[in-house]
PDB file of N, CA and C in Angstrom:
ATOM      1  N   MET A   1      17.272  16.388 -55.799  1.00  0.00           N
ATOM      2  CA  MET A   1      16.424  14.862 -56.029  1.00  0.00           C
ATOM      3  C   MET A   1      17.039  13.969 -55.085  1.00  0.00           C
ATOM      4  N   LEU A   2      18.544  13.793 -54.930  1.00  0.00           N
ATOM      5  CA  LEU A   2      19.062  13.091 -54.184  1.00  0.00           C
ATOM      6  C   LEU A   2      18.478  13.023 -52.611  1.00  0.00           C
ATOM      7  N   LEU A   3      18.675  13.821 -52.498  1.00  0.00           N
ATOM      8  CA  LEU A   3      18.121  14.138 -50.774  1.00  0.00           C
ATOM      9  C   LEU A   3      16.654  14.386 -50.872  1.00  0.00           C
ATOM     10  N   PHE A   4      15.789  14.269 -51.814  1.00  0.00           N
ATOM     11  CA  PHE A   4      14.266  13.903 -51.647  1.00  0.00           C
ATOM     12  C   PHE A   4      14.311  12.507 -51.436  1.00  0.00           C
ATOM     13  N   LEU A   5      15.098  11.359 -52.294  1.00  0.00           N
ATOM     14  CA  LEU A   5      15.127  10.299 -52.177  1.00  0.00           C
ATOM     15  C   LEU A   5      15.537   9.697 -50.770  1.00  0.00           C
ATOM     16  N   PHE A   6      16.409  10.251 -50.269  1.00  0.00           N
ATOM     17  CA  PHE A   6      16.777   9.720 -49.148  1.00  0.00           C
ATOM     18  C   PHE A   6      15.777  10.256 -47.896  1.00  0.00           C
ATOM     19  N   PHE A   7      15.171  11.542 -47.797  1.00  0.00           N
ATOM     20  CA  PHE A   7      14.013  11.552 -47.182  1.00  0.00           C
ATOM     21  C   PHE A   7      12.882  10.700 -47.010  1.00  0.00           C
ATOM     22  N   LEU A   8      12.334  10.310 -48.481  1.00  0.00           N
ATOM     23  CA  LEU A   8      11.489   9.234 -48.519  1.00  0.00           C
ATOM     24  C   LEU A   8      11.820   7.904 -48.026  1.00  0.00           C
ATOM     25  N   TYR A   9      13.135   7.458 -48.283  1.00  0.00           N
ATOM     26  CA  TYR A   9      13.969   6.128 -47.782  1.00  0.00           C
ATOM     27  C   TYR A   9      13.848   6.242 -46.054  1.00  0.00           C
ATOM     28  N   PHE A  10      13.966   7.466 -45.695  1.00  0.00           N
ATOM     29  CA  PHE A  10      14.141   7.716 -44.137  1.00  0.00           C
ATOM     30  C   PHE A  10      12.806   7.551 -43.825  1.00  0.00           C
ATOM     31  N   CYS A  11      11.862   7.925 -44.097  1.00  0.00           N
ATOM     32  CA  CYS A  11      10.479   8.212 -43.802  1.00  0.00           C
ATOM     33  C   CYS A  11       9.844   6.717 -43.772  1.00  0.00           C
ATOM     34  N   TYR A  12       9.820   6.053 -44.968  1.00  0.00           N
ATOM     35  CA  TYR A  12       9.861   4.354 -44.989  1.00  0.00           C
ATOM     36  C   TYR A  12      10.366   3.772 -43.791  1.00  0.00           C
ATOM     37  N   MET A  13      11.766   3.704 -43.566  1.00  0.00           N
ATOM     38  CA  MET A  13      12.083   3.190 -42.162  1.00  0.00           C
ATOM     39  C   MET A  13      11.485   3.675 -41.133  1.00  0.00           C
ATOM     40  N   MET A  14      11.890   4.808 -41.008  1.00  0.00           N
ATOM     41  CA  MET A  14      10.627   5.299 -39.187  1.00  0.00           C
ATOM     42  C   MET A  14       9.663   4.740 -39.399  1.00  0.00           C
ATOM     43  N   PHE A  15       8.854   4.757 -40.625  1.00  0.00           N
ATOM     44  CA  PHE A  15       7.299   4.010 -40.487  1.00  0.00           C
ATOM     45  C   PHE A  15       7.558   2.666 -39.884  1.00  0.00           C
ATOM     46  N   ASN A  16       8.684   1.824 -40.484  1.00  0.00           N
ATOM     47  CA  ASN A  16       8.555   0.023 -40.229  1.00  0.00           C
ATOM     48  C   ASN A  16       8.985   0.619 -38.575  1.00  0.00           C
ATOM     49  N   TRP A  17      10.052   1.259 -38.312  1.00  0.00           N
ATOM     50  CA  TRP A  17      10.194   1.307 -36.793  1.00  0.00           C
ATOM     51  C   TRP A  17       9.446   1.752 -35.865  1.00  0.00           C
ATOM     52  N   LEU A  18       8.404   2.514 -36.479  1.00  0.00           N
ATOM     53  CA  LEU A  18       7.012   3.244 -35.418  1.00  0.00           C
ATOM     54  C   LEU A  18       6.233   1.909 -35.387  1.00  0.00           C
ATOM     55  N   SER A  19       6.037   1.183 -36.504  1.00  0.00           N
ATOM     56  CA  SER A  19       5.013  -0.058 -36.502  1.00  0.00           C
ATOM     57  C   SER A  19       5.676  -0.902 -35.335  1.00  0.00           C
ATOM     58  N   LEU A  20       6.794  -1.243 -35.175  1.00  0.00           N
ATOM     59  CA  LEU A  20       7.588  -2.017 -34.423  1.00  0.00           C
ATOM     60  C   LEU A  20       7.017  -1.624 -32.886  1.00  0.00           C
ATOM     61  N   VAL A  21       7.252  -0.272 -32.681  1.00  0.00           N
ATOM     62  CA  VAL A  21       6.759   0.357 -31.286  1.00  0.00           C
ATOM     63  C   VAL A  21       5.484  -0.034 -31.157  1.00  0.00           C
ATOM     64  N   THR A  22       4.779   0.386 -31.749  1.00  0.00           N
ATOM     65  CA  THR A  22       3.276   0.534 -31.596  1.00  0.00           C
ATOM     66  C   THR A  22       2.852  -0.904 -31.471  1.00  0.00           C
ATOM     67  N   GLY A  23       3.829  -2.047 -32.149  1.00  0.00           N
ATOM     68  CA  GLY A  23       3.447  -3.504 -31.553  1.00  0.00           C
ATOM     69  C   GLY A  23       3.519  -3.595 -30.302  1.00  0.00           C
ATOM     70  N   LEU A  24       4.419  -3.153 -29.675  1.00  0.00           N
ATOM     71  CA  LEU A  24       4.743  -3.235 -28.377  1.00  0.00           C
ATOM     72  C   LEU A  24       3.706  -2.802 -27.186  1.00  0.00           C
ATOM     73  N   PHE A  25       3.432  -1.436 -27.663  1.00  0.00           N
ATOM     74  CA  PHE A  25       2.350  -0.589 -27.089  1.00  0.00           C
ATOM     75  C   PHE A  25       1.064  -1.509 -27.057  1.00  0.00           C
ATOM     76  N   TYR A  26       0.819  -2.049 -28.079  1.00  0.00           N
ATOM     77  CA  TYR A  26      -0.440  -3.175 -28.023  1.00  0.00           C
ATOM     78  C   TYR A  26      -0.462  -3.886 -27.108  1.00  0.00           C
ATOM     79  N   ILE A  27       1.056  -4.871 -27.016  1.00  0.00           N
ATOM     80  CA  ILE A  27       1.192  -5.885 -25.869  1.00  0.00           C
ATOM     81  C   ILE A  27       0.843  -5.061 -24.600  1.00  0.00           C
ATOM     82  N   VAL A  28       1.452  -4.314 -24.190  1.00  0.00           N
ATOM     83  CA  VAL A  28       1.477  -3.786 -23.223  1.00  0.00           C
ATOM     84  C   VAL A  28      -0.084  -3.204 -22.824  1.00  0.00           C
ATOM     85  N   LEU A  29      -0.672  -2.568 -23.608  1.00  0.00           N
ATOM     86  CA  LEU A  29      -1.956  -2.518 -23.464  1.00  0.00           C
ATOM     87  C   LEU A  29      -2.994  -3.427 -23.108  1.00  0.00           C
ATOM     88  N   GLY A  30      -2.798  -4.704 -23.912  1.00  0.00           N
ATOM     89  CA  GLY A  30      -3.454  -6.183 -23.531  1.00  0.00           C
ATOM     90  C   GLY A  30      -3.098  -6.351 -22.096  1.00  0.00           C
ATOM     91  N   ILE A  31      -1.744  -6.407 -21.728  1.00  0.00           N
ATOM     92  CA  ILE A  31      -1.460  -7.084 -20.309  1.00  0.00           C
ATOM     93  C   ILE A  31      -2.447  -6.038 -19.350  1.00  0.00           C
ATOM     94  N   VAL A  32      -2.475  -4.667 -19.758  1.00  0.00           N
ATOM     95  CA  VAL A  32      -2.909  -4.036 -18.313  1.00  0.00           C
ATOM     96  C   VAL A  32      -4.361  -3.926 -18.755  1.00  0.00           C
ATOM     97  N   VAL A  33      -4.847  -4.244 -19.772  1.00  0.00           N
ATOM     98  CA  VAL A  33      -6.262  -4.382 -19.582  1.00  0.00           C
ATOM     99  C   VAL A  33      -6.650  -5.839 -19.077  1.00  0.00           C
ATOM    100  N   ILE A  34      -5.801  -7.201 -19.078  1.00  0.00           N
ATOM    101  CA  ILE A  34      -6.067  -8.162 -18.680  1.00  0.00           C
ATOM    102  C   ILE A  34      -5.822  -7.959 -16.959  1.00  0.00           C
ATOM    103  N   ILE A  35      -4.646  -7.400 -16.331  1.00  0.00           N
ATOM    104  CA  ILE A  35      -4.490  -7.233 -14.760  1.00  0.00           C
ATOM    105  C   ILE A  35      -5.487  -6.224 -14.741  1.00  0.00           C
ATOM    106  N   TYR A  36      -5.700  -5.001 -15.143  1.00  0.00           N
ATOM    107  CA  TYR A  36      -6.508  -3.915 -14.323  1.00  0.00           C
ATOM    108  C   TYR A  36      -8.200  -4.091 -14.699  1.00  0.00           C
ATOM    109  N   LYS A  37      -8.391  -4.732 -15.713  1.00  0.00           N
ATOM    110  CA  LYS A  37      -9.757  -5.053 -15.906  1.00  0.00           C
ATOM    111  C   LYS A  37     -10.456  -3.783 -16.414  1.00  0.00           C
ATOM    112  N   PHE A  38      -9.746  -2.426 -16.855  1.00  0.00           N
ATOM    113  CA  PHE A  38     -10.194  -1.350 -17.185  1.00  0.00           C
ATOM    114  C   PHE A  38      -9.980  -1.080 -18.595  1.00  0.00           C
ATOM    115  N   PHE A  39     -10.677  -0.569 -19.480  1.00  0.00           N
ATOM    116  CA  PHE A  39     -10.498   0.258 -20.797  1.00  0.00           C
ATOM    117  C   PHE A  39     -11.344   1.311 -20.615  1.00  0.00           C
ATOM    118  N   PHE A  40     -11.111   2.587 -20.612  1.00  0.00           N
ATOM    119  CA  PHE A  40     -12.214   3.531 -20.538  1.00  0.00           C
ATOM    120  C   PHE A  40     -13.387   3.206 -19.521  1.00  0.00           C
ATOM    121  N   THR A  41     -13.288   2.251 -18.973  1.00  0.00           N
ATOM    122  CA  THR A  41     -14.533   1.917 -18.320  1.00  0.00           C
ATOM    123  C   THR A  41     -14.192   0.788 -17.440  1.00  0.00           C
ATOM    124  N   ILE A  42     -14.678   0.173 -16.208  1.00  0.00           N
ATOM    125  CA  ILE A  42     -14.270  -1.123 -15.810  1.00  0.00           C
ATOM    126  C   ILE A  42     -15.157  -2.230 -16.609  1.00  0.00           C
ATOM    127  N   LEU A  43     -14.396  -3.522 -16.920  1.00  0.00           N
ATOM    128  CA  LEU A  43     -14.932  -4.546 -17.631  1.00  0.00           C
ATOM    129  C   LEU A  43     -15.099  -5.666 -16.588  1.00  0.00           C
ATOM    130  N   GLU A  44     -16.056  -6.483 -17.113  1.00  0.00           N
ATOM    131  CA  GLU A  44     -16.297  -7.734 -16.823  1.00  0.00           C
ATOM    132  C   GLU A  44     -15.054  -8.772 -16.879  1.00  0.00           C
ATOM    133  N   PRO A  45     -14.671  -9.620 -16.054  1.00  0.00           N
ATOM    134  CA  PRO A  45     -13.547 -10.213 -16.468  1.00  0.00           C
ATOM    135  C   PRO A  45     -13.366 -11.154 -17.595  1.00  0.00           C
ATOM    136  N   ALA A  46     -14.384 -11.647 -17.854  1.00  0.00           N
ATOM    137  CA  ALA A  46     -14.583 -12.253 -19.447  1.00  0.00           C
ATOM    138  C   ALA A  46     -14.013 -11.236 -20.385  1.00  0.00           C
ATOM    139  N   ILE A  47     -14.770 -10.127 -20.471  1.00  0.00           N
ATOM    140  CA  ILE A  47     -14.513  -9.361 -21.580  1.00  0.00           C
ATOM    141  C   ILE A  47     -13.072  -8.709 -21.721  1.00  0.00           C
ATOM    142  N   ALA A  48     -12.445  -8.880 -20.187  1.00  0.00           N
ATOM    143  CA  ALA A  48     -11.316  -8.073 -20.305  1.00  0.00           C
ATOM    144  C   ALA A  48     -10.112  -9.141 -20.659  1.00  0.00           C
ATOM    145  N   TYR A  49     -10.494 -10.328 -20.474  1.00  0.00           N
ATOM    146  CA  TYR A  49      -9.313 -11.191 -20.998  1.00  0.00           C
ATOM    147  C   TYR A  49      -9.492 -11.495 -22.336  1.00  0.00           C
ATOM    148  N   ALA A  50     -10.771 -11.607 -23.055  1.00  0.00           N
ATOM    149  CA  ALA A  50     -10.780 -11.567 -24.323  1.00  0.00           C
ATOM    150  C   ALA A  50     -10.471 -10.096 -25.070  1.00  0.00           C
ATOM    151  N   MET A  51     -10.648  -9.231 -24.315  1.00  0.00           N
ATOM    152  CA  MET A  51      -9.685  -7.678 -25.421  1.00  0.00           C
ATOM    153  C   MET A  51      -8.505  -7.855 -25.098  1.00  0.00           C
ATOM    154  N   GLY A  52      -7.855  -8.128 -23.741  1.00  0.00           N
ATOM    155  CA  GLY A  52      -6.572  -8.283 -23.766  1.00  0.00           C
ATOM    156  C   GLY A  52      -5.982  -9.004 -24.417  1.00  0.00           C
ATOM    157  N   THR A  53      -6.508 -10.311 -24.549  1.00  0.00           N
ATOM    158  CA  THR A  53      -6.043 -11.392 -25.652  1.00  0.00           C
ATOM    159  C   THR A  53      -5.658 -10.715 -27.112  1.00  0.00           C
ATOM    160  N   VAL A  54      -6.937 -10.248 -27.630  1.00  0.00           N
ATOM    161  CA  VAL A  54      -7.131  -9.378 -28.987  1.00  0.00           C
ATOM    162  C   VAL A  54      -6.023  -8.345 -29.039  1.00  0.00           C
ATOM    163  N   LEU A  55      -5.512  -7.945 -28.203  1.00  0.00           N
ATOM    164  CA  LEU A  55      -4.760  -6.706 -28.219  1.00  0.00           C
ATOM    165  C   LEU A  55      -3.334  -7.107 -28.212  1.00  0.00           C
ATOM    166  N   ILE A  56      -3.213  -8.348 -27.432  1.00  0.00           N
ATOM    167  CA  ILE A  56      -1.871  -8.820 -27.575  1.00  0.00           C
ATOM    168  C   ILE A  56      -1.727  -9.614 -28.631  1.00  0.00           C
ATOM    169  N   ILE A  57      -2.529 -10.274 -29.616  1.00  0.00           N
ATOM    170  CA  ILE A  57      -2.368 -10.975 -30.700  1.00  0.00           C
ATOM    171  C   ILE A  57      -2.250 -10.117 -31.627  1.00  0.00           C
ATOM    172  N   TYR A  58      -2.785  -8.672 -31.779  1.00  0.00           N
ATOM    173  CA  TYR A  58      -2.632  -7.780 -32.869  1.00  0.00           C
ATOM    174  C   TYR A  58      -1.271  -7.116 -32.783  1.00  0.00           C
ATOM    175  N   GLY A  59      -0.937  -6.767 -31.453  1.00  0.00           N
ATOM    176  CA  GLY A  59       0.356  -6.434 -31.205  1.00  0.00           C
ATOM    177  C   GLY A  59       1.834  -7.280 -31.721  1.00  0.00           C
ATOM    178  N   ILE A  60       1.469  -8.569 -31.482  1.00  0.00           N
ATOM    179  CA  ILE A  60       2.541  -9.606 -32.182  1.00  0.00           C
ATOM    180  C   ILE A  60       2.391  -9.671 -33.716  1.00  0.00           C
ATOM    181  N   PHE A  61       1.411  -9.213 -34.386  1.00  0.00           N
ATOM    182  CA  PHE A  61       1.053  -9.247 -35.353  1.00  0.00           C
ATOM    183  C   PHE A  61       1.675  -8.208 -36.151  1.00  0.00           C
ATOM    184  N   ARG A  62       1.460  -7.157 -35.849  1.00  0.00           N
ATOM    185  CA  ARG A  62       2.215  -5.699 -36.159  1.00  0.00           C
ATOM    186  C   ARG A  62       3.690  -5.714 -35.727  1.00  0.00           C
ATOM    187  N   ILE A  63       4.276  -6.667 -34.990  1.00  0.00           N
ATOM    188  CA  ILE A  63       5.692  -6.641 -34.821  1.00  0.00           C
ATOM    189  C   ILE A  63       6.265  -7.572 -35.687  1.00  0.00           C
ATOM    190  N   TYR A  64       5.377  -8.749 -36.104  1.00  0.00           N
ATOM    191  CA  TYR A  64       5.856  -9.637 -37.013  1.00  0.00           C
ATOM    192  C   TYR A  64       5.862  -8.962 -38.503  1.00  0.00           C
ATOM    193  N   ARG A  65       4.691  -7.926 -38.939  1.00  0.00           N
ATOM    194  CA  ARG A  65       4.734  -7.619 -40.147  1.00  0.00           C
ATOM    195  C   ARG A  65       5.760  -6.426 -40.366  1.00  0.00           C
ATOM    196  N   ALA A  66       6.050  -5.794 -39.001  1.00  0.00           N
ATOM    197  CA  ALA A  66       7.411  -4.815 -39.242  1.00  0.00           C
ATOM    198  C   ALA A  66       8.807  -5.373 -39.212  1.00  0.00           C
ATOM    199  N   ILE A  67       8.812  -6.546 -38.473  1.00  0.00           N
ATOM    200  CA  ILE A  67      10.214  -7.159 -38.618  1.00  0.00           C
ATOM    201  C   ILE A  67      10.270  -7.806 -39.920  1.00  0.00           C
ATOM    202  N   SER A  68       9.275  -8.306 -40.916  1.00  0.00           N
ATOM    203  CA  SER A  68       9.107  -8.532 -42.100  1.00  0.00           C
ATOM    204  C   SER A  68       9.690  -7.596 -43.238  1.00  0.00           C
ATOM    205  N   LYS A  69       9.052  -6.528 -42.925  1.00  0.00           N
ATOM    206  CA  LYS A  69       9.457  -5.412 -43.740  1.00  0.00           C
ATOM    207  C   LYS A  69      10.803  -4.780 -43.785  1.00  0.00           C
ATOM    208  N   ILE A  70      11.369  -4.829 -42.475  1.00  0.00           N
ATOM    209  CA  ILE A  70      12.505  -4.630 -42.055  1.00  0.00           C
ATOM    210  C   ILE A  70      13.390  -5.423 -42.512  1.00  0.00           C
ATOM    211  N   LYS A  71      13.143  -6.674 -42.828  1.00  0.00           N
ATOM    212  CA  LYS A  71      14.181  -7.667 -43.128  1.00  0.00           C
ATOM    213  C   LYS A  71      14.271  -7.532 -44.660  1.00  0.00           C
ATOM    214  N   LYS A  72      13.088  -7.175 -45.417  1.00  0.00           N
ATOM    215  CA  LYS A  72      12.896  -7.326 -46.882  1.00  0.00           C
ATOM    216  C   LYS A  72      13.268  -6.062 -47.259  1.00  0.00           C
ATOM    217  N   SER A  73      13.288  -4.759 -46.831  1.00  0.00           N
ATOM    218  CA  SER A  73      13.993  -3.800 -47.240  1.00  0.00           C
ATOM    219  C   SER A  73      15.559  -3.948 -47.145  1.00  0.00           C
ATOM    220  N   LYS A  74      16.385  -4.498 -45.972  1.00  0.00           N
ATOM    221  CA  LYS A  74      17.488  -4.589 -46.012  1.00  0.00           C
ATOM    222  C   LYS A  74      17.945  -5.505 -46.992  1.00  0.00           C
ATOM    223  N   ASN A  75      17.353  -6.813 -47.329  1.00  0.00           N
ATOM    224  CA  ASN A  75      17.483  -7.217 -48.505  1.00  0.00           C
ATOM    225  C   ASN A  75      17.603  -6.832 -49.737  1.00  0.00           C
ATOM    226  N   GLU A  76      16.709  -6.035 -49.937  1.00  0.00           N
ATOM    227  CA  GLU A  76      17.071  -4.974 -51.411  1.00  0.00           C
ATOM    228  C   GLU A  76      18.016  -4.118 -51.758  1.00  0.00           C
ATOM    229  N   GLU A  77      18.790  -3.722 -50.391  1.00  0.00           N
ATOM    230  CA  GLU A  77      19.839  -3.023 -50.614  1.00  0.00           C
ATOM    231  C   GLU A  77      20.766  -3.581 -51.300  1.00  0.00           C
TER     232      GLU A  77
END
């Protein structure tokens, strides 16, 4: 039983760290879209800037949410 609870806690923490890495991935993807103006197809500059900006903002949101969950879980211990 204790091993199962440890496994659940480990999965929960790994999900938080994976969410942090995913946020970084979205930020990098947004920068790449802005620089190369490409996302599965060639984009117009205005669309590339808008899409890149949205990806960067979403990446920042994911990182913020992951950090707040990690801090919350450390405070509960």
